[in-house]
Amino acid sequence: MMQHTNLSEKNAFCRFAMGTSLTAFGIAKVSRNPNCTKGRLMIALGAMKMAEGLFKYCPTKAILSSNMQSAMNTSMQSMFNGQNSMSSEKVDQLMKDFSSAIAGNSSDTQTTAAKQSDTSTSTQNSSKNSSNSSTNKAQNPS
């Protein structure tokens, strides 16, 4: 079964060149140390890239593009069939709820922030007073 080419001329040339260099480095590693797993892996991956460049076909790219195409087809079909669509009444209600939540939360946030800042300043003042009294006691033992 003949596969369609899914790589451009430039991409195929780059894959072939990189695969050749990866294979060469792997052979160099294995020639120094015959038990080198890293070298053997480099040879296998380099040979795979060389074959992809030679045949201008990448199986990984073909699988990913077919999965992406099928995902796009199903999402477009569901969109046109109205499975994921919302009625205009629901959209209007959501917009009203959102705007009321924003309007309500902004005033609540401001009052809450003011309350928190008042609480934090009173806490800081009380901690300063207690630290001042403890330092005074430490300086004046009487």
N, C-alpha and C. Protein backbone atom coordinates (compact mmCIF):
# COMPACT_ATOMS: atom_id res chain seq x y z
N MET A 1 0.85 -1.17 0.00
CA MET A 1 0.00 0.00 0.00
C MET A 1 0.89 1.24 0.00
N MET A 2 0.74 2.07 -0.99
CA MET A 2 1.56 3.28 -1.11
C MET A 2 0.93 4.42 -0.32
N GLN A 3 1.72 5.08 0.50
CA GLN A 3 1.23 6.20 1.31
C GLN A 3 1.42 7.50 0.56
N HIS A 4 0.58 8.47 0.86
CA HIS A 4 0.73 9.79 0.28
C HIS A 4 1.89 10.50 0.96
N THR A 5 2.57 11.36 0.23
CA THR A 5 3.64 12.13 0.87
C THR A 5 3.00 13.22 1.72
N ASN A 6 3.49 13.40 2.92
CA ASN A 6 2.97 14.44 3.80
C ASN A 6 4.07 15.38 4.29
N LEU A 7 5.24 15.34 3.65
CA LEU A 7 6.34 16.23 3.99
C LEU A 7 6.75 17.02 2.75
N SER A 8 7.14 18.25 2.98
CA SER A 8 7.62 19.07 1.87
C SER A 8 9.05 18.68 1.52
N GLU A 9 9.55 19.24 0.42
CA GLU A 9 10.92 18.95 0.00
C GLU A 9 11.93 19.40 1.06
N LYS A 10 11.74 20.61 1.58
CA LYS A 10 12.66 21.14 2.59
C LYS A 10 12.63 20.30 3.86
N ASN A 11 11.43 19.97 4.30
CA ASN A 11 11.27 19.19 5.52
C ASN A 11 11.90 17.82 5.35
N ALA A 12 11.69 17.20 4.20
CA ALA A 12 12.26 15.88 3.95
C ALA A 12 13.78 15.95 3.93
N PHE A 13 14.34 16.98 3.30
CA PHE A 13 15.80 17.11 3.26
C PHE A 13 16.36 17.31 4.66
N CYS A 14 15.71 18.17 5.46
CA CYS A 14 16.18 18.40 6.84
C CYS A 14 16.11 17.13 7.67
N ARG A 15 15.04 16.38 7.51
CA ARG A 15 14.93 15.11 8.26
C ARG A 15 16.03 14.13 7.84
N PHE A 16 16.28 14.07 6.54
CA PHE A 16 17.32 13.15 6.07
C PHE A 16 18.68 13.57 6.59
N ALA A 17 18.98 14.88 6.55
CA ALA A 17 20.28 15.37 7.02
C ALA A 17 20.44 15.14 8.52
N MET A 18 19.42 15.46 9.29
CA MET A 18 19.49 15.26 10.74
C MET A 18 19.56 13.78 11.09
N GLY A 19 18.82 12.96 10.37
CA GLY A 19 18.88 11.53 10.61
C GLY A 19 20.24 10.96 10.31
N THR A 20 20.89 11.47 9.25
CA THR A 20 22.23 11.00 8.90
C THR A 20 23.23 11.37 10.00
N SER A 21 23.15 12.62 10.46
CA SER A 21 24.09 13.03 11.51
C SER A 21 23.83 12.29 12.82
N LEU A 22 22.57 12.07 13.17
CA LEU A 22 22.24 11.34 14.39
C LEU A 22 22.74 9.90 14.31
N THR A 23 22.58 9.29 13.14
CA THR A 23 23.08 7.93 12.95
C THR A 23 24.60 7.88 13.04
N ALA A 24 25.26 8.88 12.47
CA ALA A 24 26.73 8.92 12.52
C ALA A 24 27.23 9.06 13.95
N PHE A 25 26.60 9.94 14.72
CA PHE A 25 27.01 10.09 16.12
C PHE A 25 26.73 8.81 16.91
N GLY A 26 25.63 8.15 16.62
CA GLY A 26 25.33 6.89 17.29
C GLY A 26 26.34 5.81 16.96
N ILE A 27 26.76 5.76 15.69
CA ILE A 27 27.77 4.77 15.30
C ILE A 27 29.09 5.07 16.00
N ALA A 28 29.44 6.35 16.12
CA ALA A 28 30.68 6.72 16.81
C ALA A 28 30.63 6.29 18.27
N LYS A 29 29.48 6.49 18.92
CA LYS A 29 29.37 6.08 20.33
C LYS A 29 29.47 4.56 20.48
N VAL A 30 28.81 3.83 19.59
CA VAL A 30 28.82 2.37 19.69
C VAL A 30 30.20 1.82 19.35
N SER A 31 30.92 2.49 18.45
CA SER A 31 32.26 1.99 18.10
C SER A 31 33.23 2.13 19.29
N ARG A 32 33.03 3.16 20.12
CA ARG A 32 33.88 3.32 21.31
C ARG A 32 33.48 2.36 22.43
N ASN A 33 32.15 2.20 22.59
CA ASN A 33 31.65 1.35 23.67
C ASN A 33 30.52 0.50 23.08
N PRO A 34 30.77 -0.76 22.78
CA PRO A 34 29.75 -1.60 22.12
C PRO A 34 28.47 -1.81 22.94
N ASN A 35 28.53 -1.62 24.25
CA ASN A 35 27.36 -1.82 25.10
C ASN A 35 26.60 -0.53 25.37
N CYS A 36 26.85 0.52 24.61
CA CYS A 36 26.24 1.82 24.84
C CYS A 36 24.80 1.83 24.32
N THR A 37 23.87 1.91 25.25
CA THR A 37 22.45 1.93 24.88
C THR A 37 22.08 3.24 24.20
N LYS A 38 22.68 4.33 24.67
CA LYS A 38 22.40 5.63 24.10
C LYS A 38 22.80 5.67 22.61
N GLY A 39 23.94 5.08 22.28
CA GLY A 39 24.39 5.03 20.90
C GLY A 39 23.46 4.22 20.02
N ARG A 40 23.01 3.10 20.54
CA ARG A 40 22.08 2.26 19.77
C ARG A 40 20.75 2.97 19.53
N LEU A 41 20.30 3.70 20.55
CA LEU A 41 19.06 4.46 20.40
C LEU A 41 19.23 5.57 19.37
N MET A 42 20.40 6.23 19.38
CA MET A 42 20.67 7.27 18.39
C MET A 42 20.68 6.69 16.98
N ILE A 43 21.24 5.51 16.80
CA ILE A 43 21.26 4.87 15.48
C ILE A 43 19.84 4.57 15.02
N ALA A 44 19.02 4.02 15.92
CA ALA A 44 17.65 3.66 15.54
C ALA A 44 16.83 4.89 15.18
N LEU A 45 16.91 5.93 16.01
CA LEU A 45 16.13 7.14 15.73
C LEU A 45 16.64 7.86 14.49
N GLY A 46 17.95 7.87 14.30
CA GLY A 46 18.52 8.49 13.11
C GLY A 46 18.11 7.77 11.84
N ALA A 47 18.11 6.44 11.88
CA ALA A 47 17.68 5.66 10.71
C ALA A 47 16.21 5.90 10.40
N MET A 48 15.41 6.05 11.45
CA MET A 48 13.99 6.33 11.24
C MET A 48 13.81 7.68 10.57
N LYS A 49 14.54 8.70 11.04
CA LYS A 49 14.45 10.04 10.44
C LYS A 49 14.97 10.03 9.00
N MET A 50 16.00 9.25 8.74
CA MET A 50 16.51 9.16 7.37
C MET A 50 15.45 8.56 6.45
N ALA A 51 14.76 7.52 6.91
CA ALA A 51 13.72 6.90 6.10
C ALA A 51 12.56 7.85 5.86
N GLU A 52 12.19 8.64 6.89
CA GLU A 52 11.13 9.63 6.72
C GLU A 52 11.51 10.65 5.66
N GLY A 53 12.76 11.10 5.70
CA GLY A 53 13.21 12.07 4.71
C GLY A 53 13.29 11.47 3.32
N LEU A 54 13.68 10.23 3.21
CA LEU A 54 13.82 9.57 1.92
C LEU A 54 12.46 9.34 1.25
N PHE A 55 11.48 8.89 2.02
CA PHE A 55 10.16 8.59 1.46
C PHE A 55 9.18 9.76 1.55
N LYS A 56 9.60 10.85 2.20
CA LYS A 56 8.76 12.05 2.37
C LYS A 56 7.42 11.72 3.03
N TYR A 57 7.49 10.83 3.98
CA TYR A 57 6.28 10.41 4.70
C TYR A 57 6.63 10.23 6.16
N CYS A 58 5.85 10.87 7.03
CA CYS A 58 6.04 10.74 8.48
C CYS A 58 4.77 10.10 9.06
N PRO A 59 4.87 8.89 9.59
CA PRO A 59 3.67 8.24 10.12
C PRO A 59 3.07 8.97 11.32
N THR A 60 3.91 9.56 12.15
CA THR A 60 3.40 10.30 13.31
C THR A 60 2.59 11.51 12.87
N LYS A 61 3.11 12.22 11.87
CA LYS A 61 2.38 13.38 11.35
C LYS A 61 1.07 12.94 10.71
N ALA A 62 1.07 11.81 10.03
CA ALA A 62 -0.15 11.31 9.39
C ALA A 62 -1.20 10.95 10.44
N ILE A 63 -0.78 10.30 11.52
CA ILE A 63 -1.73 9.93 12.58
C ILE A 63 -2.30 11.16 13.26
N LEU A 64 -1.42 12.11 13.58
CA LEU A 64 -1.89 13.32 14.25
C LEU A 64 -2.80 14.15 13.37
N SER A 65 -2.49 14.25 12.09
CA SER A 65 -3.35 15.05 11.21
C SER A 65 -4.69 14.35 10.98
N SER A 66 -4.69 13.03 10.92
CA SER A 66 -5.97 12.33 10.73
C SER A 66 -6.82 12.44 12.00
N ASN A 67 -6.19 12.36 13.17
CA ASN A 67 -6.94 12.53 14.41
C ASN A 67 -7.47 13.96 14.53
N MET A 68 -6.66 14.93 14.14
CA MET A 68 -7.09 16.32 14.19
C MET A 68 -8.23 16.55 13.21
N GLN A 69 -8.12 15.97 12.03
CA GLN A 69 -9.18 16.13 11.03
C GLN A 69 -10.48 15.50 11.50
N SER A 70 -10.41 14.32 12.11
CA SER A 70 -11.63 13.69 12.60
C SER A 70 -12.23 14.47 13.76
N ALA A 71 -11.38 15.03 14.61
CA ALA A 71 -11.87 15.85 15.73
C ALA A 71 -12.55 17.10 15.21
N MET A 72 -11.97 17.72 14.20
CA MET A 72 -12.58 18.91 13.61
C MET A 72 -13.91 18.57 12.94
N ASN A 73 -13.96 17.42 12.26
CA ASN A 73 -15.21 17.03 11.60
C ASN A 73 -16.33 16.80 12.62
N THR A 74 -16.02 16.11 13.71
CA THR A 74 -17.07 15.84 14.70
C THR A 74 -17.51 17.11 15.40
N SER A 75 -16.58 18.02 15.67
CA SER A 75 -16.97 19.26 16.34
C SER A 75 -17.79 20.14 15.41
N MET A 76 -17.44 20.16 14.13
CA MET A 76 -18.20 20.96 13.17
C MET A 76 -19.60 20.36 12.97
N GLN A 77 -19.70 19.04 12.92
CA GLN A 77 -21.00 18.41 12.76
C GLN A 77 -21.89 18.69 13.96
N SER A 78 -21.33 18.59 15.15
CA SER A 78 -22.13 18.85 16.34
C SER A 78 -22.54 20.31 16.42
N MET A 79 -21.68 21.20 15.91
CA MET A 79 -22.02 22.61 15.93
C MET A 79 -23.15 22.91 14.95
N PHE A 80 -23.09 22.30 13.77
CA PHE A 80 -24.13 22.54 12.78
C PHE A 80 -25.44 21.83 13.13
N ASN A 81 -25.35 20.73 13.86
CA ASN A 81 -26.56 20.03 14.28
C ASN A 81 -27.23 20.71 15.46
N GLY A 82 -26.54 21.62 16.11
CA GLY A 82 -27.13 22.36 17.22
C GLY A 82 -27.02 21.65 18.55
N GLN A 83 -26.14 20.69 18.68
CA GLN A 83 -26.02 19.97 19.93
C GLN A 83 -25.40 20.84 21.02
N ASN A 84 -24.49 21.71 20.65
CA ASN A 84 -23.82 22.53 21.65
C ASN A 84 -24.29 23.98 21.63
N SER A 85 -25.34 24.27 20.89
CA SER A 85 -25.77 25.66 20.78
C SER A 85 -26.70 26.01 21.94
N MET A 86 -26.74 27.31 22.28
CA MET A 86 -27.59 27.81 23.36
C MET A 86 -28.65 28.71 22.75
N SER A 87 -29.80 28.73 23.37
CA SER A 87 -30.86 29.61 22.89
C SER A 87 -30.53 31.05 23.26
N SER A 88 -31.15 31.99 22.56
CA SER A 88 -30.88 33.40 22.83
C SER A 88 -31.38 33.80 24.22
N GLU A 89 -32.43 33.14 24.71
CA GLU A 89 -32.92 33.45 26.05
C GLU A 89 -31.88 33.06 27.11
N LYS A 90 -31.25 31.92 26.91
CA LYS A 90 -30.23 31.48 27.86
C LYS A 90 -29.03 32.42 27.84
N VAL A 91 -28.66 32.87 26.65
CA VAL A 91 -27.53 33.79 26.52
C VAL A 91 -27.87 35.11 27.21
N ASP A 92 -29.09 35.63 26.98
CA ASP A 92 -29.51 36.88 27.62
C ASP A 92 -29.50 36.75 29.14
N GLN A 93 -29.99 35.63 29.65
CA GLN A 93 -30.02 35.41 31.09
C GLN A 93 -28.61 35.34 31.67
N LEU A 94 -27.71 34.64 30.96
CA LEU A 94 -26.33 34.56 31.42
C LEU A 94 -25.68 35.93 31.44
N MET A 95 -25.95 36.75 30.42
CA MET A 95 -25.38 38.10 30.37
C MET A 95 -25.90 38.96 31.52
N LYS A 96 -27.19 38.84 31.82
CA LYS A 96 -27.77 39.60 32.93
C LYS A 96 -27.15 39.16 34.26
N ASP A 97 -27.03 37.85 34.44
CA ASP A 97 -26.43 37.34 35.67
C ASP A 97 -24.98 37.80 35.81
N PHE A 98 -24.26 37.77 34.70
CA PHE A 98 -22.87 38.19 34.73
C PHE A 98 -22.74 39.67 35.06
N SER A 99 -23.56 40.49 34.43
CA SER A 99 -23.45 41.93 34.68
C SER A 99 -23.87 42.27 36.11
N SER A 100 -24.90 41.58 36.62
CA SER A 100 -25.30 41.85 38.00
C SER A 100 -24.23 41.36 38.99
N ALA A 101 -23.58 40.25 38.66
CA ALA A 101 -22.53 39.74 39.53
C ALA A 101 -21.34 40.69 39.54
N ILE A 102 -21.01 41.22 38.38
CA ILE A 102 -19.90 42.17 38.30
C ILE A 102 -20.23 43.44 39.07
N ALA A 103 -21.44 43.96 38.87
CA ALA A 103 -21.84 45.19 39.56
C ALA A 103 -21.91 44.96 41.07
N GLY A 104 -22.44 43.83 41.49
CA GLY A 104 -22.55 43.53 42.92
C GLY A 104 -21.20 43.24 43.54
N ASN A 105 -20.35 42.52 42.85
CA ASN A 105 -19.05 42.16 43.40
C ASN A 105 -18.11 43.34 43.47
N SER A 106 -18.25 44.30 42.57
CA SER A 106 -17.31 45.43 42.61
C SER A 106 -17.54 46.29 43.84
N SER A 107 -18.81 46.55 44.20
CA SER A 107 -19.06 47.33 45.40
C SER A 107 -18.75 46.52 46.65
N ASP A 108 -19.07 45.22 46.62
CA ASP A 108 -18.75 44.36 47.76
C ASP A 108 -17.23 44.26 47.93
N THR A 109 -16.52 44.20 46.84
CA THR A 109 -15.06 44.08 46.91
C THR A 109 -14.45 45.33 47.52
N GLN A 110 -14.99 46.50 47.14
CA GLN A 110 -14.44 47.74 47.68
C GLN A 110 -14.69 47.85 49.18
N THR A 111 -15.90 47.50 49.61
CA THR A 111 -16.20 47.58 51.04
C THR A 111 -15.40 46.53 51.82
N THR A 112 -15.25 45.36 51.23
CA THR A 112 -14.47 44.31 51.89
C THR A 112 -13.02 44.73 51.99
N ALA A 113 -12.48 45.32 50.93
CA ALA A 113 -11.09 45.77 50.96
C ALA A 113 -10.90 46.86 52.01
N ALA A 114 -11.88 47.78 52.13
CA ALA A 114 -11.77 48.84 53.13
C ALA A 114 -11.81 48.25 54.53
N LYS A 115 -12.69 47.27 54.75
CA LYS A 115 -12.78 46.62 56.06
C LYS A 115 -11.48 45.90 56.39
N GLN A 116 -10.90 45.22 55.38
CA GLN A 116 -9.67 44.50 55.62
C GLN A 116 -8.53 45.45 55.93
N SER A 117 -8.47 46.59 55.23
CA SER A 117 -7.39 47.53 55.50
C SER A 117 -7.54 48.15 56.88
N ASP A 118 -8.80 48.44 57.30
CA ASP A 118 -9.01 48.96 58.65
C ASP A 118 -8.59 47.94 59.70
N THR A 119 -8.93 46.68 59.47
CA THR A 119 -8.58 45.62 60.41
C THR A 119 -7.07 45.45 60.48
N SER A 120 -6.41 45.48 59.32
CA SER A 120 -4.96 45.28 59.32
C SER A 120 -4.24 46.45 59.98
N THR A 121 -4.72 47.68 59.79
CA THR A 121 -4.05 48.81 60.45
C THR A 121 -4.27 48.77 61.95
N SER A 122 -5.46 48.36 62.40
CA SER A 122 -5.68 48.27 63.84
C SER A 122 -4.85 47.15 64.44
N THR A 123 -4.67 46.07 63.71
CA THR A 123 -3.84 44.97 64.18
C THR A 123 -2.39 45.40 64.25
N GLN A 124 -1.94 46.15 63.24
CA GLN A 124 -0.56 46.63 63.25
C GLN A 124 -0.33 47.61 64.39
N ASN A 125 -1.31 48.49 64.63
CA ASN A 125 -1.17 49.46 65.73
C ASN A 125 -1.10 48.77 67.07
N SER A 126 -1.94 47.75 67.28
CA SER A 126 -1.92 47.04 68.55
C SER A 126 -0.63 46.27 68.73
N SER A 127 -0.10 45.71 67.63
CA SER A 127 1.17 44.98 67.74
C SER A 127 2.32 45.95 68.01
N LYS A 128 2.27 47.16 67.45
CA LYS A 128 3.31 48.16 67.72
C LYS A 128 3.25 48.58 69.19
N ASN A 129 2.04 48.78 69.71
CA ASN A 129 1.91 49.18 71.11
C ASN A 129 2.44 48.11 72.04
N SER A 130 2.15 46.86 71.76
CA SER A 130 2.63 45.78 72.62
C SER A 130 4.14 45.63 72.51
N SER A 131 4.69 45.85 71.31
CA SER A 131 6.14 45.75 71.18
C SER A 131 6.83 46.92 71.85
N ASN A 132 6.22 48.11 71.82
CA ASN A 132 6.80 49.26 72.50
C ASN A 132 6.81 49.06 74.01
N SER A 133 5.74 48.51 74.55
CA SER A 133 5.68 48.29 76.00
C SER A 133 6.68 47.22 76.42
N SER A 134 6.89 46.21 75.58
CA SER A 134 7.85 45.16 75.95
C SER A 134 9.27 45.69 75.87
N THR A 135 9.57 46.59 74.91
CA THR A 135 10.92 47.15 74.85
C THR A 135 11.15 48.12 76.00
N ASN A 136 10.12 48.84 76.40
CA ASN A 136 10.26 49.74 77.56
C ASN A 136 10.54 48.94 78.82
N LYS A 137 9.88 47.80 78.97
CA LYS A 137 10.10 46.97 80.15
C LYS A 137 11.51 46.38 80.14
N ALA A 138 12.00 46.06 78.96
CA ALA A 138 13.33 45.49 78.88
C ALA A 138 14.39 46.53 79.18
N GLN A 139 14.14 47.79 78.81
CA GLN A 139 15.12 48.83 79.07
C GLN A 139 15.07 49.31 80.53
N ASN A 140 13.88 49.38 81.08
CA ASN A 140 13.71 49.85 82.47
C ASN A 140 13.26 48.66 83.33
N PRO A 141 14.16 48.02 83.99
CA PRO A 141 13.77 46.84 84.77
C PRO A 141 12.98 47.17 86.00
N SER A 142 12.81 48.41 86.38
CA SER A 142 12.11 48.76 87.61
C SER A 142 10.64 48.68 87.53
